[in-house]
Amino acid sequence: MNADARDRAWEYYRAAGRDMETDLAALAAHPQGIVLLMPRLVVLMKPVCSNAPEQWTELALISPAADAWYIHLLVGDLRLARRMAATLPPLRWLCFQRGLRAPAPHRHPWQAFLLH
């Protein structure tokens, strides 16, 4: 397995038949979007309204009533991700979908993610 999180992120996108550059551009243009591309960690995320999962993947969409961080992609060092997440403005929830494995939306307390 390749240890570089950036390579693993590109591999995931290729397997999913999606365009990572499009998602990177949408999040980079989002005023609260987070794009982190490092050898140890790749994170694509933004604030969302937790009770509107149909809008989570619209990466350019700004959610004025955001109460959650939506993690669109997280690859690499989870311990480092949690340390860095602690510096973000706290929102109540963490939202995500499990990509190719299960498209159902998930919602967990943000604090529980930080404390593991």
PDB file of N, CA and C in Angstrom:
ATOM      1  N   MET A   1       0.831  -1.171   0.000  1.00  0.00           N
ATOM      2  CA  MET A   1       0.000   0.000   0.000  1.00  0.00           C
ATOM      3  C   MET A   1       0.884   1.246   0.000  1.00  0.00           C
ATOM      4  N   ASN A   2       0.495   2.222  -0.786  1.00  0.00           N
ATOM      5  CA  ASN A   2       1.244   3.464  -0.869  1.00  0.00           C
ATOM      6  C   ASN A   2       1.007   4.289   0.396  1.00  0.00           C
ATOM      7  N   ALA A   3       2.060   4.783   1.009  1.00  0.00           N
ATOM      8  CA  ALA A   3       1.954   5.516   2.265  1.00  0.00           C
ATOM      9  C   ALA A   3       1.575   6.984   2.066  1.00  0.00           C
ATOM     10  N   ASP A   4       1.659   7.505   0.855  1.00  0.00           N
ATOM     11  CA  ASP A   4       1.348   8.904   0.612  1.00  0.00           C
ATOM     12  C   ASP A   4      -0.169   9.075   0.496  1.00  0.00           C
ATOM     13  N   ALA A   5      -0.749   9.842   1.418  1.00  0.00           N
ATOM     14  CA  ALA A   5      -2.199  10.034   1.452  1.00  0.00           C
ATOM     15  C   ALA A   5      -2.724  10.674   0.172  1.00  0.00           C
ATOM     16  N   ARG A   6      -1.922  11.518  -0.465  1.00  0.00           N
ATOM     17  CA  ARG A   6      -2.367  12.155  -1.706  1.00  0.00           C
ATOM     18  C   ARG A   6      -2.576  11.121  -2.805  1.00  0.00           C
ATOM     19  N   ASP A   7      -1.654  10.177  -2.908  1.00  0.00           N
ATOM     20  CA  ASP A   7      -1.793   9.120  -3.910  1.00  0.00           C
ATOM     21  C   ASP A   7      -3.016   8.253  -3.627  1.00  0.00           C
ATOM     22  N   ARG A   8      -3.237   7.961  -2.359  1.00  0.00           N
ATOM     23  CA  ARG A   8      -4.390   7.135  -1.985  1.00  0.00           C
ATOM     24  C   ARG A   8      -5.700   7.871  -2.281  1.00  0.00           C
ATOM     25  N   ALA A   9      -5.716   9.189  -2.094  1.00  0.00           N
ATOM     26  CA  ALA A   9      -6.908   9.974  -2.410  1.00  0.00           C
ATOM     27  C   ALA A   9      -7.202   9.935  -3.908  1.00  0.00           C
ATOM     28  N   TRP A  10      -6.164  10.113  -4.733  1.00  0.00           N
ATOM     29  CA  TRP A  10      -6.355  10.043  -6.187  1.00  0.00           C
ATOM     30  C   TRP A  10      -6.839   8.653  -6.591  1.00  0.00           C
ATOM     31  N   GLU A  11      -6.301   7.616  -5.970  1.00  0.00           N
ATOM     32  CA  GLU A  11      -6.734   6.238  -6.270  1.00  0.00           C
ATOM     33  C   GLU A  11      -8.208   6.051  -5.938  1.00  0.00           C
ATOM     34  N   TYR A  12      -8.634   6.580  -4.806  1.00  0.00           N
ATOM     35  CA  TYR A  12     -10.045   6.485  -4.419  1.00  0.00           C
ATOM     36  C   TYR A  12     -10.928   7.152  -5.471  1.00  0.00           C
ATOM     37  N   TYR A  13     -10.567   8.359  -5.881  1.00  0.00           N
ATOM     38  CA  TYR A  13     -11.361   9.078  -6.881  1.00  0.00           C
ATOM     39  C   TYR A  13     -11.419   8.317  -8.200  1.00  0.00           C
ATOM     40  N   ARG A  14     -10.295   7.775  -8.626  1.00  0.00           N
ATOM     41  CA  ARG A  14     -10.292   7.000  -9.873  1.00  0.00           C
ATOM     42  C   ARG A  14     -11.231   5.807  -9.756  1.00  0.00           C
ATOM     43  N   ALA A  15     -11.175   5.081  -8.645  1.00  0.00           N
ATOM     44  CA  ALA A  15     -12.039   3.909  -8.434  1.00  0.00           C
ATOM     45  C   ALA A  15     -13.513   4.299  -8.388  1.00  0.00           C
ATOM     46  N   ALA A  16     -13.783   5.501  -7.884  1.00  0.00           N
ATOM     47  CA  ALA A  16     -15.169   5.964  -7.781  1.00  0.00           C
ATOM     48  C   ALA A  16     -15.677   6.568  -9.090  1.00  0.00           C
ATOM     49  N   GLY A  17     -14.775   6.763 -10.061  1.00  0.00           N
ATOM     50  CA  GLY A  17     -15.169   7.362 -11.330  1.00  0.00           C
ATOM     51  C   GLY A  17     -15.526   8.838 -11.200  1.00  0.00           C
ATOM     52  N   ARG A  18     -14.892   9.509 -10.254  1.00  0.00           N
ATOM     53  CA  ARG A  18     -15.175  10.918 -10.007  1.00  0.00           C
ATOM     54  C   ARG A  18     -13.949  11.761 -10.340  1.00  0.00           C
ATOM     55  N   ASP A  19     -14.165  13.068 -10.397  1.00  0.00           N
ATOM     56  CA  ASP A  19     -13.099  14.004 -10.742  1.00  0.00           C
ATOM     57  C   ASP A  19     -12.668  14.770  -9.499  1.00  0.00           C
ATOM     58  N   MET A  20     -11.524  14.432  -8.961  1.00  0.00           N
ATOM     59  CA  MET A  20     -11.031  15.067  -7.740  1.00  0.00           C
ATOM     60  C   MET A  20     -10.746  16.553  -7.966  1.00  0.00           C
ATOM     61  N   GLU A  21     -10.267  16.913  -9.135  1.00  0.00           N
ATOM     62  CA  GLU A  21      -9.959  18.321  -9.411  1.00  0.00           C
ATOM     63  C   GLU A  21     -11.204  19.194  -9.322  1.00  0.00           C
ATOM     64  N   THR A  22     -12.347  18.676  -9.760  1.00  0.00           N
ATOM     65  CA  THR A  22     -13.598  19.420  -9.666  1.00  0.00           C
ATOM     66  C   THR A  22     -13.972  19.658  -8.208  1.00  0.00           C
ATOM     67  N   ASP A  23     -13.847  18.615  -7.382  1.00  0.00           N
ATOM     68  CA  ASP A  23     -14.156  18.756  -5.960  1.00  0.00           C
ATOM     69  C   ASP A  23     -13.177  19.697  -5.263  1.00  0.00           C
ATOM     70  N   LEU A  24     -11.902  19.595  -5.599  1.00  0.00           N
ATOM     71  CA  LEU A  24     -10.906  20.500  -5.014  1.00  0.00           C
ATOM     72  C   LEU A  24     -11.223  21.947  -5.362  1.00  0.00           C
ATOM     73  N   ALA A  25     -11.587  22.207  -6.600  1.00  0.00           N
ATOM     74  CA  ALA A  25     -11.897  23.566  -7.038  1.00  0.00           C
ATOM     75  C   ALA A  25     -13.136  24.100  -6.323  1.00  0.00           C
ATOM     76  N   ALA A  26     -14.167  23.265  -6.170  1.00  0.00           N
ATOM     77  CA  ALA A  26     -15.394  23.704  -5.494  1.00  0.00           C
ATOM     78  C   ALA A  26     -15.119  24.060  -4.037  1.00  0.00           C
ATOM     79  N   LEU A  27     -14.359  23.226  -3.351  1.00  0.00           N
ATOM     80  CA  LEU A  27     -14.050  23.504  -1.946  1.00  0.00           C
ATOM     81  C   LEU A  27     -13.085  24.668  -1.784  1.00  0.00           C
ATOM     82  N   ALA A  28     -12.148  24.809  -2.696  1.00  0.00           N
ATOM     83  CA  ALA A  28     -11.207  25.926  -2.622  1.00  0.00           C
ATOM     84  C   ALA A  28     -11.922  27.256  -2.817  1.00  0.00           C
ATOM     85  N   ALA A  29     -13.011  27.264  -3.574  1.00  0.00           N
ATOM     86  CA  ALA A  29     -13.770  28.492  -3.806  1.00  0.00           C
ATOM     87  C   ALA A  29     -14.787  28.754  -2.692  1.00  0.00           C
ATOM     88  N   HIS A  30     -15.096  27.751  -1.907  1.00  0.00           N
ATOM     89  CA  HIS A  30     -16.061  27.880  -0.807  1.00  0.00           C
ATOM     90  C   HIS A  30     -15.410  28.686   0.318  1.00  0.00           C
ATOM     91  N   PRO A  31     -16.065  29.727   0.835  1.00  0.00           N
ATOM     92  CA  PRO A  31     -15.421  30.565   1.859  1.00  0.00           C
ATOM     93  C   PRO A  31     -15.076  29.831   3.159  1.00  0.00           C
ATOM     94  N   GLN A  32     -15.720  28.702   3.431  1.00  0.00           N
ATOM     95  CA  GLN A  32     -15.424  27.933   4.630  1.00  0.00           C
ATOM     96  C   GLN A  32     -14.930  26.527   4.297  1.00  0.00           C
ATOM     97  N   GLY A  33     -14.662  26.274   3.031  1.00  0.00           N
ATOM     98  CA  GLY A  33     -14.185  24.961   2.617  1.00  0.00           C
ATOM     99  C   GLY A  33     -12.766  24.711   3.103  1.00  0.00           C
ATOM    100  N   ILE A  34     -12.473  23.468   3.354  1.00  0.00           N
ATOM    101  CA  ILE A  34     -11.138  23.081   3.801  1.00  0.00           C
ATOM    102  C   ILE A  34     -10.574  22.077   2.803  1.00  0.00           C
ATOM    103  N   VAL A  35      -9.415  22.412   2.277  1.00  0.00           N
ATOM    104  CA  VAL A  35      -8.682  21.534   1.375  1.00  0.00           C
ATOM    105  C   VAL A  35      -7.286  21.385   1.953  1.00  0.00           C
ATOM    106  N   LEU A  36      -6.952  20.181   2.333  1.00  0.00           N
ATOM    107  CA  LEU A  36      -5.646  19.900   2.920  1.00  0.00           C
ATOM    108  C   LEU A  36      -5.044  18.717   2.165  1.00  0.00           C
ATOM    109  N   LEU A  37      -3.941  18.963   1.483  1.00  0.00           N
ATOM    110  CA  LEU A  37      -3.256  17.921   0.713  1.00  0.00           C
ATOM    111  C   LEU A  37      -1.821  17.816   1.215  1.00  0.00           C
ATOM    112  N   MET A  38      -1.580  16.820   2.043  1.00  0.00           N
ATOM    113  CA  MET A  38      -0.254  16.609   2.619  1.00  0.00           C
ATOM    114  C   MET A  38       0.111  15.132   2.438  1.00  0.00           C
ATOM    115  N   PRO A  39       1.388  14.816   2.456  1.00  0.00           N
ATOM    116  CA  PRO A  39       1.761  13.402   2.341  1.00  0.00           C
ATOM    117  C   PRO A  39       1.124  12.522   3.424  1.00  0.00           C
ATOM    118  N   ARG A  40       0.951  13.058   4.636  1.00  0.00           N
ATOM    119  CA  ARG A  40       0.383  12.270   5.741  1.00  0.00           C
ATOM    120  C   ARG A  40      -1.135  12.341   5.824  1.00  0.00           C
ATOM    121  N   LEU A  41      -1.747  13.367   5.189  1.00  0.00           N
ATOM    122  CA  LEU A  41      -3.173  13.590   5.404  1.00  0.00           C
ATOM    123  C   LEU A  41      -3.793  14.368   4.251  1.00  0.00           C
ATOM    124  N   VAL A  42      -4.943  13.884   3.797  1.00  0.00           N
ATOM    125  CA  VAL A  42      -5.760  14.602   2.826  1.00  0.00           C
ATOM    126  C   VAL A  42      -7.138  14.781   3.453  1.00  0.00           C
ATOM    127  N   VAL A  43      -7.614  16.019   3.467  1.00  0.00           N
ATOM    128  CA  VAL A  43      -8.940  16.308   4.011  1.00  0.00           C
ATOM    129  C   VAL A  43      -9.657  17.270   3.074  1.00  0.00           C
ATOM    130  N   LEU A  44     -10.890  16.912   2.726  1.00  0.00           N
ATOM    131  CA  LEU A  44     -11.790  17.785   1.984  1.00  0.00           C
ATOM    132  C   LEU A  44     -13.055  17.880   2.828  1.00  0.00           C
ATOM    133  N   MET A  45     -13.397  19.086   3.294  1.00  0.00           N
ATOM    134  CA  MET A  45     -14.566  19.215   4.155  1.00  0.00           C
ATOM    135  C   MET A  45     -15.133  20.623   4.112  1.00  0.00           C
ATOM    136  N   LYS A  46     -16.356  20.756   4.632  1.00  0.00           N
ATOM    137  CA  LYS A  46     -17.017  22.050   4.693  1.00  0.00           C
ATOM    138  C   LYS A  46     -18.146  21.994   5.707  1.00  0.00           C
ATOM    139  N   PRO A  47     -18.627  23.152   6.175  1.00  0.00           N
ATOM    140  CA  PRO A  47     -19.775  23.178   7.069  1.00  0.00           C
ATOM    141  C   PRO A  47     -21.070  22.909   6.290  1.00  0.00           C
ATOM    142  N   VAL A  48     -21.980  22.173   6.922  1.00  0.00           N
ATOM    143  CA  VAL A  48     -23.269  21.840   6.308  1.00  0.00           C
ATOM    144  C   VAL A  48     -24.368  21.864   7.364  1.00  0.00           C
ATOM    145  N   CYS A  49     -25.589  21.802   6.899  1.00  0.00           N
ATOM    146  CA  CYS A  49     -26.743  21.610   7.768  1.00  0.00           C
ATOM    147  C   CYS A  49     -26.924  20.098   7.904  1.00  0.00           C
ATOM    148  N   SER A  50     -26.824  19.582   9.114  1.00  0.00           N
ATOM    149  CA  SER A  50     -26.806  18.130   9.313  1.00  0.00           C
ATOM    150  C   SER A  50     -28.097  17.438   8.905  1.00  0.00           C
ATOM    151  N   ASN A  51     -29.201  18.137   8.908  1.00  0.00           N
ATOM    152  CA  ASN A  51     -30.459  17.479   8.548  1.00  0.00           C
ATOM    153  C   ASN A  51     -30.802  17.629   7.068  1.00  0.00           C
ATOM    154  N   ALA A  52     -29.827  18.001   6.243  1.00  0.00           N
ATOM    155  CA  ALA A  52     -30.018  18.099   4.796  1.00  0.00           C
ATOM    156  C   ALA A  52     -28.944  17.302   4.061  1.00  0.00           C
ATOM    157  N   PRO A  53     -28.874  15.969   4.276  1.00  0.00           N
ATOM    158  CA  PRO A  53     -27.794  15.173   3.671  1.00  0.00           C
ATOM    159  C   PRO A  53     -27.782  15.208   2.145  1.00  0.00           C
ATOM    160  N   GLU A  54     -28.916  15.512   1.538  1.00  0.00           N
ATOM    161  CA  GLU A  54     -28.952  15.593   0.079  1.00  0.00           C
ATOM    162  C   GLU A  54     -28.128  16.764  -0.440  1.00  0.00           C
ATOM    163  N   GLN A  55     -27.776  17.707   0.424  1.00  0.00           N
ATOM    164  CA  GLN A  55     -26.982  18.868   0.019  1.00  0.00           C
ATOM    165  C   GLN A  55     -25.508  18.754   0.390  1.00  0.00           C
ATOM    166  N   TRP A  56     -25.150  17.776   1.198  1.00  0.00           N
ATOM    167  CA  TRP A  56     -23.773  17.684   1.678  1.00  0.00           C
ATOM    168  C   TRP A  56     -22.760  17.649   0.551  1.00  0.00           C
ATOM    169  N   THR A  57     -23.025  16.856  -0.474  1.00  0.00           N
ATOM    170  CA  THR A  57     -22.037  16.656  -1.534  1.00  0.00           C
ATOM    171  C   THR A  57     -22.020  17.785  -2.560  1.00  0.00           C
ATOM    172  N   GLU A  58     -22.902  18.760  -2.421  1.00  0.00           N
ATOM    173  CA  GLU A  58     -22.850  19.950  -3.277  1.00  0.00           C
ATOM    174  C   GLU A  58     -21.789  20.871  -2.669  1.00  0.00           C
ATOM    175  N   LEU A  59     -20.555  20.637  -3.052  1.00  0.00           N
ATOM    176  CA  LEU A  59     -19.416  21.247  -2.356  1.00  0.00           C
ATOM    177  C   LEU A  59     -19.339  22.761  -2.464  1.00  0.00           C
ATOM    178  N   ALA A  60     -19.910  23.352  -3.491  1.00  0.00           N
ATOM    179  CA  ALA A  60     -19.885  24.807  -3.632  1.00  0.00           C
ATOM    180  C   ALA A  60     -21.004  25.462  -2.819  1.00  0.00           C
ATOM    181  N   LEU A  61     -21.988  24.693  -2.373  1.00  0.00           N
ATOM    182  CA  LEU A  61     -23.133  25.228  -1.650  1.00  0.00           C
ATOM    183  C   LEU A  61     -22.733  25.717  -0.264  1.00  0.00           C
ATOM    184  N   ILE A  62     -23.135  26.920   0.068  1.00  0.00           N
ATOM    185  CA  ILE A  62     -22.890  27.498   1.393  1.00  0.00           C
ATOM    186  C   ILE A  62     -24.137  27.269   2.230  1.00  0.00           C
ATOM    187  N   SER A  63     -23.973  26.734   3.422  1.00  0.00           N
ATOM    188  CA  SER A  63     -25.093  26.439   4.320  1.00  0.00           C
ATOM    189  C   SER A  63     -25.123  27.474   5.447  1.00  0.00           C
ATOM    190  N   PRO A  64     -26.009  28.470   5.358  1.00  0.00           N
ATOM    191  CA  PRO A  64     -26.067  29.492   6.407  1.00  0.00           C
ATOM    192  C   PRO A  64     -26.423  28.919   7.788  1.00  0.00           C
ATOM    193  N   ALA A  65     -27.188  27.837   7.826  1.00  0.00           N
ATOM    194  CA  ALA A  65     -27.590  27.226   9.104  1.00  0.00           C
ATOM    195  C   ALA A  65     -26.710  26.030   9.444  1.00  0.00           C
ATOM    196  N   ALA A  66     -25.452  26.082   9.063  1.00  0.00           N
ATOM    197  CA  ALA A  66     -24.552  24.943   9.280  1.00  0.00           C
ATOM    198  C   ALA A  66     -24.415  24.614  10.761  1.00  0.00           C
ATOM    199  N   ASP A  67     -24.580  23.329  11.059  1.00  0.00           N
ATOM    200  CA  ASP A  67     -24.397  22.843  12.430  1.00  0.00           C
ATOM    201  C   ASP A  67     -23.472  21.630  12.457  1.00  0.00           C
ATOM    202  N   ALA A  68     -22.811  21.378  11.312  1.00  0.00           N
ATOM    203  CA  ALA A  68     -21.970  20.180  11.202  1.00  0.00           C
ATOM    204  C   ALA A  68     -20.816  20.419  10.249  1.00  0.00           C
ATOM    205  N   TRP A  69     -19.752  19.667  10.485  1.00  0.00           N
ATOM    206  CA  TRP A  69     -18.657  19.578   9.519  1.00  0.00           C
ATOM    207  C   TRP A  69     -18.915  18.341   8.679  1.00  0.00           C
ATOM    208  N   TYR A  70     -18.977  18.517   7.357  1.00  0.00           N
ATOM    209  CA  TYR A  70     -19.129  17.389   6.439  1.00  0.00           C
ATOM    210  C   TYR A  70     -17.746  17.015   5.932  1.00  0.00           C
ATOM    211  N   ILE A  71     -17.318  15.819   6.223  1.00  0.00           N
ATOM    212  CA  ILE A  71     -16.033  15.331   5.729  1.00  0.00           C
ATOM    213  C   ILE A  71     -16.298  14.602   4.422  1.00  0.00           C
ATOM    214  N   HIS A  72     -15.931  15.252   3.349  1.00  0.00           N
ATOM    215  CA  HIS A  72     -16.116  14.682   2.013  1.00  0.00           C
ATOM    216  C   HIS A  72     -15.076  13.599   1.745  1.00  0.00           C
ATOM    217  N   LEU A  73     -13.847  13.838   2.212  1.00  0.00           N
ATOM    218  CA  LEU A  73     -12.782  12.855   2.047  1.00  0.00           C
ATOM    219  C   LEU A  73     -11.766  13.049   3.169  1.00  0.00           C
ATOM    220  N   LEU A  74     -11.365  11.954   3.768  1.00  0.00           N
ATOM    221  CA  LEU A  74     -10.309  11.970   4.775  1.00  0.00           C
ATOM    222  C   LEU A  74      -9.475  10.715   4.551  1.00  0.00           C
ATOM    223  N   VAL A  75      -8.212  10.929   4.217  1.00  0.00           N
ATOM    224  CA  VAL A  75      -7.289   9.824   3.949  1.00  0.00           C
ATOM    225  C   VAL A  75      -5.998  10.097   4.702  1.00  0.00           C
ATOM    226  N   GLY A  76      -5.512   9.101   5.416  1.00  0.00           N
ATOM    227  CA  GLY A  76      -4.212   9.253   6.059  1.00  0.00           C
ATOM    228  C   GLY A  76      -4.269   9.157   7.567  1.00  0.00           C
ATOM    229  N   ASP A  77      -3.465   9.981   8.213  1.00  0.00           N
ATOM    230  CA  ASP A  77      -3.217   9.935   9.649  1.00  0.00           C
ATOM    231  C   ASP A  77      -4.401  10.510  10.438  1.00  0.00           C
ATOM    232  N   LEU A  78      -5.238   9.631  10.968  1.00  0.00           N
ATOM    233  CA  LEU A  78      -6.433  10.054  11.694  1.00  0.00           C
ATOM    234  C   LEU A  78      -6.082  10.805  12.975  1.00  0.00           C
ATOM    235  N   ARG A  79      -5.018  10.417  13.633  1.00  0.00           N
ATOM    236  CA  ARG A  79      -4.595  11.119  14.843  1.00  0.00           C
ATOM    237  C   ARG A  79      -4.251  12.583  14.528  1.00  0.00           C
ATOM    238  N   LEU A  80      -3.530  12.795  13.446  1.00  0.00           N
ATOM    239  CA  LEU A  80      -3.202  14.155  13.012  1.00  0.00           C
ATOM    240  C   LEU A  80      -4.473  14.913  12.631  1.00  0.00           C
ATOM    241  N   ALA A  81      -5.394  14.251  11.965  1.00  0.00           N
ATOM    242  CA  ALA A  81      -6.662  14.887  11.576  1.00  0.00           C
ATOM    243  C   ALA A  81      -7.422  15.376  12.804  1.00  0.00           C
ATOM    244  N   ARG A  82      -7.458  14.556  13.837  1.00  0.00           N
ATOM    245  CA  ARG A  82      -8.162  14.960  15.063  1.00  0.00           C
ATOM    246  C   ARG A  82      -7.484  16.158  15.744  1.00  0.00           C
ATOM    247  N   ARG A  83      -6.169  16.159  15.765  1.00  0.00           N
ATOM    248  CA  ARG A  83      -5.451  17.298  16.370  1.00  0.00           C
ATOM    249  C   ARG A  83      -5.739  18.580  15.593  1.00  0.00           C
ATOM    250  N   MET A  84      -5.722  18.496  14.287  1.00  0.00           N
ATOM    251  CA  MET A  84      -5.975  19.676  13.463  1.00  0.00           C
ATOM    252  C   MET A  84      -7.444  20.099  13.570  1.00  0.00           C
ATOM    253  N   ALA A  85      -8.350  19.140  13.656  1.00  0.00           N
ATOM    254  CA  ALA A  85      -9.783  19.449  13.766  1.00  0.00           C
ATOM    255  C   ALA A  85     -10.098  20.231  15.030  1.00  0.00           C
ATOM    256  N   ALA A  86      -9.325  20.009  16.069  1.00  0.00           N
ATOM    257  CA  ALA A  86      -9.551  20.718  17.326  1.00  0.00           C
ATOM    258  C   ALA A  86      -9.335  22.227  17.186  1.00  0.00           C
ATOM    259  N   THR A  87      -8.675  22.661  16.123  1.00  0.00           N
ATOM    260  CA  THR A  87      -8.437  24.085  15.907  1.00  0.00           C
ATOM    261  C   THR A  87      -9.559  24.750  15.104  1.00  0.00           C
ATOM    262  N   LEU A  88     -10.500  23.967  14.595  1.00  0.00           N
ATOM    263  CA  LEU A  88     -11.599  24.507  13.796  1.00  0.00           C
ATOM    264  C   LEU A  88     -12.708  25.056  14.687  1.00  0.00           C
ATOM    265  N   PRO A  89     -13.517  25.960  14.149  1.00  0.00           N
ATOM    266  CA  PRO A  89     -14.686  26.391  14.913  1.00  0.00           C
ATOM    267  C   PRO A  89     -15.553  25.164  15.211  1.00  0.00           C
ATOM    268  N   PRO A  90     -15.924  24.962  16.469  1.00  0.00           N
ATOM    269  CA  PRO A  90     -16.695  23.771  16.808  1.00  0.00           C
ATOM    270  C   PRO A  90     -18.134  23.862  16.303  1.00  0.00           C
ATOM    271  N   LEU A  91     -18.581  22.803  15.680  1.00  0.00           N
ATOM    272  CA  LEU A  91     -19.977  22.654  15.294  1.00  0.00           C
ATOM    273  C   LEU A  91     -20.496  21.417  16.021  1.00  0.00           C
ATOM    274  N   ARG A  92     -21.791  21.258  16.084  1.00  0.00           N
ATOM    275  CA  ARG A  92     -22.364  20.175  16.890  1.00  0.00           C
ATOM    276  C   ARG A  92     -22.099  18.784  16.328  1.00  0.00           C
ATOM    277  N   TRP A  93     -22.096  18.653  15.010  1.00  0.00           N
ATOM    278  CA  TRP A  93     -22.058  17.335  14.383  1.00  0.00           C
ATOM    279  C   TRP A  93     -20.882  17.171  13.422  1.00  0.00           C
ATOM    280  N   LEU A  94     -20.590  15.919  13.144  1.00  0.00           N
ATOM    281  CA  LEU A  94     -19.669  15.488  12.094  1.00  0.00           C
ATOM    282  C   LEU A  94     -20.502  14.628  11.162  1.00  0.00           C
ATOM    283  N   CYS A  95     -20.503  14.946   9.893  1.00  0.00           N
ATOM    284  CA  CYS A  95     -21.289  14.203   8.913  1.00  0.00           C
ATOM    285  C   CYS A  95     -20.374  13.631   7.842  1.00  0.00           C
ATOM    286  N   PHE A  96     -20.746  12.463   7.338  1.00  0.00           N
ATOM    287  CA  PHE A  96     -19.971  11.827   6.269  1.00  0.00           C
ATOM    288  C   PHE A  96     -20.792  10.723   5.635  1.00  0.00           C
ATOM    289  N   GLN A  97     -20.310  10.253   4.485  1.00  0.00           N
ATOM    290  CA  GLN A  97     -20.842   9.079   3.821  1.00  0.00           C
ATOM    291  C   GLN A  97     -19.665   8.169   3.550  1.00  0.00           C
ATOM    292  N   ARG A  98     -19.892   6.877   3.500  1.00  0.00           N
ATOM    293  CA  ARG A  98     -18.787   5.938   3.349  1.00  0.00           C
ATOM    294  C   ARG A  98     -18.493   5.589   1.898  1.00  0.00           C
ATOM    295  N   GLY A  99     -18.535   6.556   1.048  1.00  0.00           N
ATOM    296  CA  GLY A  99     -18.103   6.403  -0.336  1.00  0.00           C
ATOM    297  C   GLY A  99     -18.656   5.191  -1.048  1.00  0.00           C
ATOM    298  N   LEU A 100     -17.763   4.360  -1.517  1.00  0.00           N
ATOM    299  CA  LEU A 100     -18.147   3.218  -2.327  1.00  0.00           C
ATOM    300  C   LEU A 100     -18.788   2.095  -1.512  1.00  0.00           C
ATOM    301  N   ARG A 101     -18.590   2.103  -0.198  1.00  0.00           N
ATOM    302  CA  ARG A 101     -19.086   0.995   0.622  1.00  0.00           C
ATOM    303  C   ARG A 101     -20.556   1.112   0.975  1.00  0.00           C
ATOM    304  N   ALA A 102     -21.005   2.258   1.373  1.00  0.00           N
ATOM    305  CA  ALA A 102     -22.400   2.444   1.762  1.00  0.00           C
ATOM    306  C   ALA A 102     -22.766   3.911   1.606  1.00  0.00           C
ATOM    307  N   PRO A 103     -23.693   4.228   0.712  1.00  0.00           N
ATOM    308  CA  PRO A 103     -24.011   5.633   0.456  1.00  0.00           C
ATOM    309  C   PRO A 103     -24.878   6.300   1.532  1.00  0.00           C
ATOM    310  N   ALA A 104     -25.310   5.572   2.548  1.00  0.00           N
ATOM    311  CA  ALA A 104     -26.157   6.164   3.584  1.00  0.00           C
ATOM    312  C   ALA A 104     -25.403   7.240   4.359  1.00  0.00           C
ATOM    313  N   PRO A 105     -26.057   8.364   4.648  1.00  0.00           N
ATOM    314  CA  PRO A 105     -25.395   9.429   5.414  1.00  0.00           C
ATOM    315  C   PRO A 105     -25.248   9.056   6.887  1.00  0.00           C
ATOM    316  N   HIS A 106     -24.175   9.545   7.488  1.00  0.00           N
ATOM    317  CA  HIS A 106     -23.907   9.312   8.908  1.00  0.00           C
ATOM    318  C   HIS A 106     -23.757  10.660   9.603  1.00  0.00           C
ATOM    319  N   ARG A 107     -24.190  10.711  10.863  1.00  0.00           N
ATOM    320  CA  ARG A 107     -24.054  11.918  11.669  1.00  0.00           C
ATOM    321  C   ARG A 107     -23.628  11.492  13.068  1.00  0.00           C
ATOM    322  N   HIS A 108     -22.506  12.058  13.533  1.00  0.00           N
ATOM    323  CA  HIS A 108     -21.963  11.750  14.858  1.00  0.00           C
ATOM    324  C   HIS A 108     -21.591  13.051  15.560  1.00  0.00           C
ATOM    325  N   PRO A 109     -21.583  13.065  16.883  1.00  0.00           N
ATOM    326  CA  PRO A 109     -21.175  14.277  17.597  1.00  0.00           C
ATOM    327  C   PRO A 109     -19.720  14.654  17.271  1.00  0.00           C
ATOM    328  N   TRP A 110     -19.506  15.923  16.985  1.00  0.00           N
ATOM    329  CA  TRP A 110     -18.174  16.439  16.672  1.00  0.00           C
ATOM    330  C   TRP A 110     -17.209  16.175  17.836  1.00  0.00           C
ATOM    331  N   GLN A 111     -17.658  16.390  19.052  1.00  0.00           N
ATOM    332  CA  GLN A 111     -16.797  16.199  20.214  1.00  0.00           C
ATOM    333  C   GLN A 111     -16.338  14.749  20.331  1.00  0.00           C
ATOM    334  N   ALA A 112     -17.189  13.802  19.977  1.00  0.00           N
ATOM    335  CA  ALA A 112     -16.793  12.384  20.046  1.00  0.00           C
ATOM    336  C   ALA A 112     -15.645  12.104  19.078  1.00  0.00           C
ATOM    337  N   PHE A 113     -15.659  12.748  17.913  1.00  0.00           N
ATOM    338  CA  PHE A 113     -14.562  12.589  16.959  1.00  0.00           C
ATOM    339  C   PHE A 113     -13.265  13.146  17.531  1.00  0.00           C
ATOM    340  N   LEU A 114     -13.359  14.302  18.171  1.00  0.00           N
ATOM    341  CA  LEU A 114     -12.165  14.935  18.717  1.00  0.00           C
ATOM    342  C   LEU A 114     -11.552  14.160  19.877  1.00  0.00           C
ATOM    343  N   LEU A 115     -12.369  13.469  20.647  1.00  0.00           N
ATOM    344  CA  LEU A 115     -11.903  12.817  21.868  1.00  0.00           C
ATOM    345  C   LEU A 115     -11.311  11.427  21.653  1.00  0.00           C
ATOM    346  N   HIS A 116     -11.490  10.835  20.503  1.00  0.00           N
ATOM    347  CA  HIS A 116     -10.944   9.477  20.296  1.00  0.00           C
ATOM    348  C   HIS A 116      -9.453   9.508  20.114  1.00  0.00           C
TER     349      HIS A 116
END
